[in-house]
Amino acid sequence: MRGFWRGILTGGLLGLAAGLWAAPRLRPETRERLVQASRDWGMRARRVFQRTRREVEDALEGPRH
């Protein structure tokens, strides 16, 4: 399973690099969309991390009475 995600990440990075190389220049609108998308993904990742951390902490504490 680890190899699958490594392949997805590698393919995504190579695709991004090829797109940036092929594009003459990023227009301001495109740049802003990329910046906003990266912020959105960062916020999503932060929420998933926080939720997972809470679930792990709860599991380690054991059942509550």
C-alpha atoms as a PDB file:
ATOM      1  CA  MET A   1       0.000   0.000   0.000  1.00  0.00           C
ATOM      2  CA  ARG A   2       2.890   2.321   0.766  1.00  0.00           C
ATOM      3  CA  GLY A   3       4.172   1.933  -2.807  1.00  0.00           C
ATOM      4  CA  PHE A   4       0.782   2.948  -4.180  1.00  0.00           C
ATOM      5  CA  TRP A   5       0.776   6.282  -2.334  1.00  0.00           C
ATOM      6  CA  ARG A   6       4.400   6.877  -3.220  1.00  0.00           C
ATOM      7  CA  GLY A   7       3.449   6.393  -6.886  1.00  0.00           C
ATOM      8  CA  ILE A   8       0.492   8.760  -6.586  1.00  0.00           C
ATOM      9  CA  LEU A   9       2.669  11.430  -4.961  1.00  0.00           C
ATOM     10  CA  THR A  10       5.484  10.999  -7.487  1.00  0.00           C
ATOM     11  CA  GLY A  11       3.083  11.143 -10.420  1.00  0.00           C
ATOM     12  CA  GLY A  12       1.416  14.253  -9.038  1.00  0.00           C
ATOM     13  CA  LEU A  13       4.714  16.025  -8.528  1.00  0.00           C
ATOM     14  CA  LEU A  14       5.944  15.081 -12.001  1.00  0.00           C
ATOM     15  CA  GLY A  15       2.664  16.284 -13.518  1.00  0.00           C
ATOM     16  CA  LEU A  16       2.904  19.556 -11.657  1.00  0.00           C
ATOM     17  CA  ALA A  17       6.500  20.059 -12.754  1.00  0.00           C
ATOM     18  CA  ALA A  18       5.643  19.289 -16.382  1.00  0.00           C
ATOM     19  CA  GLY A  19       2.710  21.705 -16.286  1.00  0.00           C
ATOM     20  CA  LEU A  20       4.792  24.495 -14.830  1.00  0.00           C
ATOM     21  CA  TRP A  21       7.584  23.845 -17.334  1.00  0.00           C
ATOM     22  CA  ALA A  22       5.186  23.838 -20.290  1.00  0.00           C
ATOM     23  CA  ALA A  23       3.325  26.987 -19.226  1.00  0.00           C
ATOM     24  CA  PRO A  24       5.114  30.150 -20.360  1.00  0.00           C
ATOM     25  CA  ARG A  25       4.027  32.143 -17.301  1.00  0.00           C
ATOM     26  CA  LEU A  26       1.311  31.851 -14.750  1.00  0.00           C
ATOM     27  CA  ARG A  27      -1.353  34.480 -15.066  1.00  0.00           C
ATOM     28  CA  PRO A  28      -2.236  36.241 -11.807  1.00  0.00           C
ATOM     29  CA  GLU A  29      -5.659  34.531 -11.704  1.00  0.00           C
ATOM     30  CA  THR A  30      -4.095  31.106 -12.119  1.00  0.00           C
ATOM     31  CA  ARG A  31      -1.500  31.845  -9.471  1.00  0.00           C
ATOM     32  CA  GLU A  32      -4.202  32.981  -7.031  1.00  0.00           C
ATOM     33  CA  ARG A  33      -6.227  29.820  -7.706  1.00  0.00           C
ATOM     34  CA  LEU A  34      -3.150  27.684  -6.995  1.00  0.00           C
ATOM     35  CA  VAL A  35      -2.412  29.591  -3.794  1.00  0.00           C
ATOM     36  CA  GLN A  36      -6.010  29.239  -2.622  1.00  0.00           C
ATOM     37  CA  ALA A  37      -6.098  25.542  -3.495  1.00  0.00           C
ATOM     38  CA  SER A  38      -2.899  24.935  -1.521  1.00  0.00           C
ATOM     39  CA  ARG A  39      -4.389  26.768   1.484  1.00  0.00           C
ATOM     40  CA  ASP A  40      -7.558  24.686   1.242  1.00  0.00           C
ATOM     41  CA  TRP A  41      -5.575  21.441   1.137  1.00  0.00           C
ATOM     42  CA  GLY A  42      -3.498  22.597   4.094  1.00  0.00           C
ATOM     43  CA  MET A  43      -6.623  23.299   6.134  1.00  0.00           C
ATOM     44  CA  ARG A  44      -8.081  19.904   5.211  1.00  0.00           C
ATOM     45  CA  ALA A  45      -4.859  18.147   6.177  1.00  0.00           C
ATOM     46  CA  ARG A  46      -4.788  20.014   9.496  1.00  0.00           C
ATOM     47  CA  ARG A  47      -8.379  18.970  10.287  1.00  0.00           C
ATOM     48  CA  VAL A  48      -7.679  15.322   9.431  1.00  0.00           C
ATOM     49  CA  PHE A  49      -4.533  15.369  11.582  1.00  0.00           C
ATOM     50  CA  GLN A  50      -6.368  16.902  14.549  1.00  0.00           C
ATOM     51  CA  ARG A  51      -9.278  14.458  14.270  1.00  0.00           C
ATOM     52  CA  THR A  52      -6.913  11.491  13.995  1.00  0.00           C
ATOM     53  CA  ARG A  53      -4.869  12.702  16.968  1.00  0.00           C
ATOM     54  CA  ARG A  54      -8.031  13.002  19.092  1.00  0.00           C
ATOM     55  CA  GLU A  55      -9.141   9.501  18.083  1.00  0.00           C
ATOM     56  CA  VAL A  56      -5.743   8.014  18.938  1.00  0.00           C
ATOM     57  CA  GLU A  57      -5.621   9.830  22.279  1.00  0.00           C
ATOM     58  CA  ASP A  58      -9.134   8.608  23.085  1.00  0.00           C
ATOM     59  CA  ALA A  59      -8.191   5.044  22.135  1.00  0.00           C
ATOM     60  CA  LEU A  60      -5.084   5.168  24.329  1.00  0.00           C
ATOM     61  CA  GLU A  61      -7.082   6.447  27.317  1.00  0.00           C
ATOM     62  CA  GLY A  62      -9.369   3.440  27.141  1.00  0.00           C
ATOM     63  CA  PRO A  63     -13.088   3.289  27.864  1.00  0.00           C
ATOM     64  CA  ARG A  64     -14.524   6.091  29.953  1.00  0.00           C
ATOM     65  CA  HIS A  65     -16.888   5.411  32.819  1.00  0.00           C
END
